All heavy atoms as atom14 arrays in JSON, in Angstrom:
{
  "sequence": "WLRLAMEYAGRGHLLTRRRLALLSIEPLLTVVLVW",
  "atom14_mask": [
    [1, 1, 1, 1, 1, 1, 1, 1, 1, 1, 1, 1, 1, 1],
    [1, 1, 1, 1, 1, 1, 1, 1, 0, 0, 0, 0, 0, 0],
    [1, 1, 1, 1, 1, 1, 1, 1, 1, 1, 1, 0, 0, 0],
    [1, 1, 1, 1, 1, 1, 1, 1, 0, 0, 0, 0, 0, 0],
    [1, 1, 1, 1, 1, 0, 0, 0, 0, 0, 0, 0, 0, 0],
    [1, 1, 1, 1, 1, 1, 1, 1, 0, 0, 0, 0, 0, 0],
    [1, 1, 1, 1, 1, 1, 1, 1, 1, 0, 0, 0, 0, 0],
    [1, 1, 1, 1, 1, 1, 1, 1, 1, 1, 1, 1, 0, 0],
    [1, 1, 1, 1, 1, 0, 0, 0, 0, 0, 0, 0, 0, 0],
    [1, 1, 1, 1, 0, 0, 0, 0, 0, 0, 0, 0, 0, 0],
    [1, 1, 1, 1, 1, 1, 1, 1, 1, 1, 1, 0, 0, 0],
    [1, 1, 1, 1, 0, 0, 0, 0, 0, 0, 0, 0, 0, 0],
    [1, 1, 1, 1, 1, 1, 1, 1, 1, 1, 0, 0, 0, 0],
    [1, 1, 1, 1, 1, 1, 1, 1, 0, 0, 0, 0, 0, 0],
    [1, 1, 1, 1, 1, 1, 1, 1, 0, 0, 0, 0, 0, 0],
    [1, 1, 1, 1, 1, 1, 1, 0, 0, 0, 0, 0, 0, 0],
    [1, 1, 1, 1, 1, 1, 1, 1, 1, 1, 1, 0, 0, 0],
    [1, 1, 1, 1, 1, 1, 1, 1, 1, 1, 1, 0, 0, 0],
    [1, 1, 1, 1, 1, 1, 1, 1, 1, 1, 1, 0, 0, 0],
    [1, 1, 1, 1, 1, 1, 1, 1, 0, 0, 0, 0, 0, 0],
    [1, 1, 1, 1, 1, 0, 0, 0, 0, 0, 0, 0, 0, 0],
    [1, 1, 1, 1, 1, 1, 1, 1, 0, 0, 0, 0, 0, 0],
    [1, 1, 1, 1, 1, 1, 1, 1, 0, 0, 0, 0, 0, 0],
    [1, 1, 1, 1, 1, 1, 0, 0, 0, 0, 0, 0, 0, 0],
    [1, 1, 1, 1, 1, 1, 1, 1, 0, 0, 0, 0, 0, 0],
    [1, 1, 1, 1, 1, 1, 1, 1, 1, 0, 0, 0, 0, 0],
    [1, 1, 1, 1, 1, 1, 1, 0, 0, 0, 0, 0, 0, 0],
    [1, 1, 1, 1, 1, 1, 1, 1, 0, 0, 0, 0, 0, 0],
    [1, 1, 1, 1, 1, 1, 1, 1, 0, 0, 0, 0, 0, 0],
    [1, 1, 1, 1, 1, 1, 1, 0, 0, 0, 0, 0, 0, 0],
    [1, 1, 1, 1, 1, 1, 1, 0, 0, 0, 0, 0, 0, 0],
    [1, 1, 1, 1, 1, 1, 1, 0, 0, 0, 0, 0, 0, 0],
    [1, 1, 1, 1, 1, 1, 1, 1, 0, 0, 0, 0, 0, 0],
    [1, 1, 1, 1, 1, 1, 1, 0, 0, 0, 0, 0, 0, 0],
    [1, 1, 1, 1, 1, 1, 1, 1, 1, 1, 1, 1, 1, 1]
  ],
  "atom14_positions": [
    [[-4.52, -5.82, 1.01], [-5.64, -6.25, 0.15], [-5.56, -5.55, -1.2], [-5.81, -6.14, -2.25], [-6.99, -5.96, 0.8], [-7.64, -7.16, 1.38], [-7.84, -7.44, 2.7], [-8.19, -8.29, 0.66], [-8.46, -8.66, 2.84], [-8.69, -9.19, 1.61], [-8.3, -8.61, -0.68], [-9.29, -10.39, 1.25], [-8.89, -9.81, -1.04], [-9.39, -10.68, -0.06]],
    [[-5.24, -4.26, -1.19], [-5.13, -3.53, -2.45], [-4.01, -4.13, -3.31], [-4.18, -4.33, -4.52], [-4.88, -2.05, -2.2], [-4.75, -1.19, -3.46], [-6.03, -1.24, -4.3], [-4.43, 0.25, -3.09], [0.0, 0.0, 0.0], [0.0, 0.0, 0.0], [0.0, 0.0, 0.0], [0.0, 0.0, 0.0], [0.0, 0.0, 0.0], [0.0, 0.0, 0.0]],
    [[-2.89, -4.42, -2.68], [-1.78, -5.04, -3.42], [-2.21, -6.39, -4.0], [-1.94, -6.68, -5.17], [-0.58, -5.2, -2.5], [0.62, -5.78, -3.18], [1.81, -5.84, -2.25], [2.84, -6.65, -2.85], [3.79, -7.26, -2.18], [3.85, -7.13, -0.87], [4.67, -7.99, -2.8], [0.0, 0.0, 0.0], [0.0, 0.0, 0.0], [0.0, 0.0, 0.0]],
    [[-2.89, -7.2, -3.21], [-3.36, -8.5, -3.67], [-4.34, -8.34, -4.83], [-4.24, -9.03, -5.85], [-4.01, -9.28, -2.53], [-4.66, -10.62, -2.91], [-3.6, -11.61, -3.36], [-5.44, -11.18, -1.74], [0.0, 0.0, 0.0], [0.0, 0.0, 0.0], [0.0, 0.0, 0.0], [0.0, 0.0, 0.0], [0.0, 0.0, 0.0], [0.0, 0.0, 0.0]],
    [[-5.3, -7.43, -4.69], [-6.3, -7.22, -5.74], [-5.65, -6.77, -7.04], [-5.99, -7.26, -8.12], [-7.34, -6.2, -5.27], [0.0, 0.0, 0.0], [0.0, 0.0, 0.0], [0.0, 0.0, 0.0], [0.0, 0.0, 0.0], [0.0, 0.0, 0.0], [0.0, 0.0, 0.0], [0.0, 0.0, 0.0], [0.0, 0.0, 0.0], [0.0, 0.0, 0.0]],
    [[-4.71, -5.85, -6.93], [-4.02, -5.35, -8.13], [-3.22, -6.46, -8.8], [-3.25, -6.59, -10.03], [-3.11, -4.18, -7.77], [-3.84, -2.96, -7.24], [-4.83, -2.13, -8.47], [-3.59, -1.15, -9.27], [0.0, 0.0, 0.0], [0.0, 0.0, 0.0], [0.0, 0.0, 0.0], [0.0, 0.0, 0.0], [0.0, 0.0, 0.0], [0.0, 0.0, 0.0]],
    [[-2.52, -7.26, -8.01], [-1.74, -8.37, -8.57], [-2.66, -9.4, -9.2], [-2.39, -9.89, -10.3], [-0.87, -9.01, -7.49], [0.27, -8.12, -7.03], [0.99, -8.66, -5.81], [0.43, -9.49, -5.05], [2.15, -8.24, -5.6], [0.0, 0.0, 0.0], [0.0, 0.0, 0.0], [0.0, 0.0, 0.0], [0.0, 0.0, 0.0], [0.0, 0.0, 0.0]],
    [[-3.74, -9.74, -8.54], [-4.67, -10.75, -9.04], [-5.32, -10.3, -10.35], [-5.52, -11.09, -11.26], [-5.73, -11.06, -7.99], [-6.67, -12.15, -8.43], [-6.31, -13.49, -8.3], [-7.9, -11.85, -9.0], [-7.16, -14.5, -8.72], [-8.76, -12.85, -9.44], [-8.38, -14.18, -9.29], [-9.2, -15.17, -9.71], [0.0, 0.0, 0.0], [0.0, 0.0, 0.0]],
    [[-5.64, -9.02, -10.42], [-6.31, -8.49, -11.61], [-5.33, -8.18, -12.74], [-5.74, -7.64, -13.77], [-7.1, -7.23, -11.23], [0.0, 0.0, 0.0], [0.0, 0.0, 0.0], [0.0, 0.0, 0.0], [0.0, 0.0, 0.0], [0.0, 0.0, 0.0], [0.0, 0.0, 0.0], [0.0, 0.0, 0.0], [0.0, 0.0, 0.0], [0.0, 0.0, 0.0]],
    [[-4.05, -8.51, -12.55], [-3.07, -8.25, -13.59], [-2.66, -6.8, -13.69], [-2.15, -6.35, -14.71], [0.0, 0.0, 0.0], [0.0, 0.0, 0.0], [0.0, 0.0, 0.0], [0.0, 0.0, 0.0], [0.0, 0.0, 0.0], [0.0, 0.0, 0.0], [0.0, 0.0, 0.0], [0.0, 0.0, 0.0], [0.0, 0.0, 0.0], [0.0, 0.0, 0.0]],
    [[-2.89, -6.05, -12.63], [-2.55, -4.63, -12.62], [-1.48, -4.32, -11.56], [-1.35, -3.18, -11.13], [-3.79, -3.79, -12.38], [-4.85, -3.99, -13.46], [-5.98, -3.01, -13.26], [-6.97, -3.1, -14.29], [-6.83, -2.65, -15.54], [-5.71, -2.15, -15.93], [-7.81, -2.74, -16.4], [0.0, 0.0, 0.0], [0.0, 0.0, 0.0], [0.0, 0.0, 0.0]],
    [[-0.77, -5.33, -11.13], [0.25, -5.16, -10.1], [1.33, -4.17, -10.48], [1.9, -3.5, -9.62], [0.0, 0.0, 0.0], [0.0, 0.0, 0.0], [0.0, 0.0, 0.0], [0.0, 0.0, 0.0], [0.0, 0.0, 0.0], [0.0, 0.0, 0.0], [0.0, 0.0, 0.0], [0.0, 0.0, 0.0], [0.0, 0.0, 0.0], [0.0, 0.0, 0.0]],
    [[1.59, -4.03, -11.78], [2.6, -3.08, -12.25], [2.24, -1.64, -11.94], [3.11, -0.78, -11.85], [2.83, -3.25, -13.76], [1.61, -2.92, -14.57], [0.57, -3.83, -14.74], [1.27, -1.8, -15.25], [-0.36, -3.26, -15.49], [0.04, -2.04, -15.82], [0.0, 0.0, 0.0], [0.0, 0.0, 0.0], [0.0, 0.0, 0.0], [0.0, 0.0, 0.0]],
    [[0.94, -1.36, -11.74], [0.51, 0.0, -11.41], [0.83, 0.37, -9.96], [0.92, 1.55, -9.63], [-1.0, 0.15, -11.64], [-1.47, -0.02, -13.09], [-2.98, 0.03, -13.16], [-0.84, 1.04, -13.97], [0.0, 0.0, 0.0], [0.0, 0.0, 0.0], [0.0, 0.0, 0.0], [0.0, 0.0, 0.0], [0.0, 0.0, 0.0], [0.0, 0.0, 0.0]],
    [[1.0, -0.64, -9.13], [1.3, -0.39, -7.7], [2.8, -0.55, -7.5], [3.28, -1.55, -6.99], [0.5, -1.37, -6.83], [0.31, -0.99, -5.38], [-0.34, 0.38, -5.24], [-0.56, -2.02, -4.69], [0.0, 0.0, 0.0], [0.0, 0.0, 0.0], [0.0, 0.0, 0.0], [0.0, 0.0, 0.0], [0.0, 0.0, 0.0], [0.0, 0.0, 0.0]],
    [[3.54, 0.47, -7.91], [5.0, 0.45, -7.8], [5.41, 0.52, -6.33], [4.59, 0.82, -5.45], [5.61, 1.65, -8.55], [5.15, 2.86, -7.93], [5.23, 1.63, -10.02], [0.0, 0.0, 0.0], [0.0, 0.0, 0.0], [0.0, 0.0, 0.0], [0.0, 0.0, 0.0], [0.0, 0.0, 0.0], [0.0, 0.0, 0.0], [0.0, 0.0, 0.0]],
    [[6.68, 0.27, -6.08], [7.18, 0.37, -4.69], [6.96, 1.76, -4.13], [6.63, 1.93, -2.98], [8.67, 0.01, -4.64], [8.92, -1.46, -4.79], [10.4, -1.73, -4.69], [10.63, -3.13, -5.0], [11.37, -3.92, -4.26], [11.97, -3.46, -3.2], [11.53, -5.17, -4.59], [0.0, 0.0, 0.0], [0.0, 0.0, 0.0], [0.0, 0.0, 0.0]],
    [[7.17, 2.75, -4.96], [6.98, 4.14, -4.51], [5.52, 4.4, -4.14], [5.23, 4.99, -3.1], [7.43, 5.11, -5.61], [7.34, 6.56, -5.18], [7.99, 7.46, -6.23], [8.18, 8.79, -5.7], [7.32, 9.78, -5.87], [6.22, 9.59, -6.57], [7.56, 10.97, -5.35], [0.0, 0.0, 0.0], [0.0, 0.0, 0.0], [0.0, 0.0, 0.0]],
    [[4.6, 3.95, -4.98], [3.18, 4.14, -4.69], [2.76, 3.35, -3.45], [1.96, 3.83, -2.65], [2.33, 3.74, -5.89], [2.44, 4.72, -7.03], [1.63, 4.3, -8.22], [1.77, 5.29, -9.29], [1.57, 5.03, -10.55], [1.2, 3.83, -10.94], [1.73, 5.98, -11.45], [0.0, 0.0, 0.0], [0.0, 0.0, 0.0], [0.0, 0.0, 0.0]],
    [[3.29, 2.16, -3.31], [3.0, 1.35, -2.12], [3.54, 2.04, -0.87], [2.87, 2.06, 0.16], [3.6, -0.04, -2.29], [3.14, -1.12, -1.33], [1.63, -1.3, -1.39], [3.84, -2.43, -1.64], [0.0, 0.0, 0.0], [0.0, 0.0, 0.0], [0.0, 0.0, 0.0], [0.0, 0.0, 0.0], [0.0, 0.0, 0.0], [0.0, 0.0, 0.0]],
    [[4.72, 2.63, -0.97], [5.29, 3.37, 0.16], [4.41, 4.57, 0.5], [4.15, 4.85, 1.69], [6.71, 3.82, -0.16], [0.0, 0.0, 0.0], [0.0, 0.0, 0.0], [0.0, 0.0, 0.0], [0.0, 0.0, 0.0], [0.0, 0.0, 0.0], [0.0, 0.0, 0.0], [0.0, 0.0, 0.0], [0.0, 0.0, 0.0], [0.0, 0.0, 0.0]],
    [[3.93, 5.28, -0.51], [3.05, 6.43, -0.26], [1.74, 5.99, 0.39], [1.24, 6.65, 1.31], [2.78, 7.18, -1.57], [3.96, 7.97, -2.13], [3.63, 8.51, -3.52], [4.36, 9.1, -1.2], [0.0, 0.0, 0.0], [0.0, 0.0, 0.0], [0.0, 0.0, 0.0], [0.0, 0.0, 0.0], [0.0, 0.0, 0.0], [0.0, 0.0, 0.0]],
    [[1.19, 4.87, -0.08], [-0.04, 4.35, 0.51], [0.16, 3.89, 1.95], [-0.79, 3.83, 2.73], [-0.58, 3.18, -0.32], [-1.2, 3.52, -1.66], [-1.45, 2.25, -2.47], [-2.51, 4.3, -1.46], [0.0, 0.0, 0.0], [0.0, 0.0, 0.0], [0.0, 0.0, 0.0], [0.0, 0.0, 0.0], [0.0, 0.0, 0.0], [0.0, 0.0, 0.0]],
    [[1.39, 3.58, 2.32], [1.7, 3.07, 3.66], [1.98, 4.18, 4.67], [2.08, 3.89, 5.87], [2.9, 2.13, 3.59], [2.61, 1.04, 2.75], [0.0, 0.0, 0.0], [0.0, 0.0, 0.0], [0.0, 0.0, 0.0], [0.0, 0.0, 0.0], [0.0, 0.0, 0.0], [0.0, 0.0, 0.0], [0.0, 0.0, 0.0], [0.0, 0.0, 0.0]],
    [[2.09, 5.41, 4.24], [2.38, 6.51, 5.17], [1.28, 6.66, 6.21], [1.56, 6.72, 7.42], [2.61, 7.84, 4.41], [3.9, 7.77, 3.6], [2.63, 9.03, 5.37], [4.11, 8.93, 2.65], [0.0, 0.0, 0.0], [0.0, 0.0, 0.0], [0.0, 0.0, 0.0], [0.0, 0.0, 0.0], [0.0, 0.0, 0.0], [0.0, 0.0, 0.0]],
    [[0.04, 6.71, 5.78], [-1.08, 6.89, 6.73], [-1.16, 5.73, 7.71], [-1.27, 5.96, 8.92], [-2.39, 7.09, 5.97], [-3.55, 7.55, 6.84], [-4.24, 6.42, 7.61], [-4.1, 5.24, 7.25], [-4.93, 6.73, 8.6], [0.0, 0.0, 0.0], [0.0, 0.0, 0.0], [0.0, 0.0, 0.0], [0.0, 0.0, 0.0], [0.0, 0.0, 0.0]],
    [[-1.08, 4.47, 7.26], [-1.1, 3.37, 8.23], [0.06, 3.4, 9.22], [-0.14, 3.16, 10.43], [-1.03, 2.12, 7.35], [-1.59, 2.56, 6.03], [-1.16, 3.99, 5.89], [0.0, 0.0, 0.0], [0.0, 0.0, 0.0], [0.0, 0.0, 0.0], [0.0, 0.0, 0.0], [0.0, 0.0, 0.0], [0.0, 0.0, 0.0], [0.0, 0.0, 0.0]],
    [[1.26, 3.72, 8.75], [2.41, 3.79, 9.66], [2.23, 4.91, 10.68], [2.53, 4.74, 11.87], [3.71, 3.98, 8.88], [4.17, 2.77, 8.07], [5.34, 3.13, 7.17], [4.52, 1.61, 8.98], [0.0, 0.0, 0.0], [0.0, 0.0, 0.0], [0.0, 0.0, 0.0], [0.0, 0.0, 0.0], [0.0, 0.0, 0.0], [0.0, 0.0, 0.0]],
    [[1.75, 6.04, 10.22], [1.48, 7.15, 11.13], [0.42, 6.76, 12.15], [0.52, 7.11, 13.33], [1.05, 8.38, 10.32], [0.95, 9.7, 11.07], [2.23, 10.02, 11.82], [0.64, 10.82, 10.09], [0.0, 0.0, 0.0], [0.0, 0.0, 0.0], [0.0, 0.0, 0.0], [0.0, 0.0, 0.0], [0.0, 0.0, 0.0], [0.0, 0.0, 0.0]],
    [[-0.58, 6.02, 11.71], [-1.63, 5.57, 12.62], [-1.06, 4.67, 13.71], [-1.41, 4.81, 14.89], [-2.74, 4.83, 11.84], [-3.31, 5.73, 10.89], [-3.84, 4.33, 12.77], [0.0, 0.0, 0.0], [0.0, 0.0, 0.0], [0.0, 0.0, 0.0], [0.0, 0.0, 0.0], [0.0, 0.0, 0.0], [0.0, 0.0, 0.0], [0.0, 0.0, 0.0]],
    [[-0.18, 3.76, 13.35], [0.43, 2.88, 14.35], [1.21, 3.7, 15.38], [1.11, 3.46, 16.59], [1.34, 1.82, 13.69], [2.18, 1.07, 14.71], [0.49, 0.84, 12.89], [0.0, 0.0, 0.0], [0.0, 0.0, 0.0], [0.0, 0.0, 0.0], [0.0, 0.0, 0.0], [0.0, 0.0, 0.0], [0.0, 0.0, 0.0], [0.0, 0.0, 0.0]],
    [[1.97, 4.69, 14.91], [2.7, 5.56, 15.84], [1.73, 6.29, 16.76], [1.95, 6.37, 17.98], [3.6, 6.56, 15.07], [4.17, 7.62, 15.99], [4.71, 5.83, 14.34], [0.0, 0.0, 0.0], [0.0, 0.0, 0.0], [0.0, 0.0, 0.0], [0.0, 0.0, 0.0], [0.0, 0.0, 0.0], [0.0, 0.0, 0.0], [0.0, 0.0, 0.0]],
    [[0.65, 6.81, 16.2], [-0.34, 7.54, 17.01], [-1.04, 6.63, 18.01], [-1.37, 7.06, 19.12], [-1.36, 8.23, 16.1], [-0.8, 9.4, 15.28], [-1.86, 9.91, 14.3], [-0.3, 10.51, 16.17], [0.0, 0.0, 0.0], [0.0, 0.0, 0.0], [0.0, 0.0, 0.0], [0.0, 0.0, 0.0], [0.0, 0.0, 0.0], [0.0, 0.0, 0.0]],
    [[-1.27, 5.37, 17.64], [-1.9, 4.42, 18.56], [-1.01, 4.2, 19.78], [-1.47, 4.22, 20.92], [-2.2, 3.09, 17.85], [-2.45, 1.96, 18.83], [-3.41, 3.25, 16.95], [0.0, 0.0, 0.0], [0.0, 0.0, 0.0], [0.0, 0.0, 0.0], [0.0, 0.0, 0.0], [0.0, 0.0, 0.0], [0.0, 0.0, 0.0], [0.0, 0.0, 0.0]],
    [[0.28, 3.96, 19.53], [1.2, 3.65, 20.63], [1.56, 4.88, 21.46], [2.07, 4.73, 22.58], [2.44, 2.95, 20.11], [2.13, 1.55, 19.68], [1.83, 1.12, 18.42], [2.02, 0.39, 20.52], [1.56, -0.22, 18.42], [1.68, -0.7, 19.7], [2.19, 0.17, 21.88], [1.49, -1.99, 20.19], [2.02, -1.11, 22.37], [1.66, -2.17, 21.53]]
  ]
}
């Protein structure tokens, strides 16, 4: 949703691959912890 909102608002350039990867650490860790 954050990626979509940033792209829609014309701010997609602020969400670089590196920043997206950093934002994904907590969710990925959560999936590991769930399983």
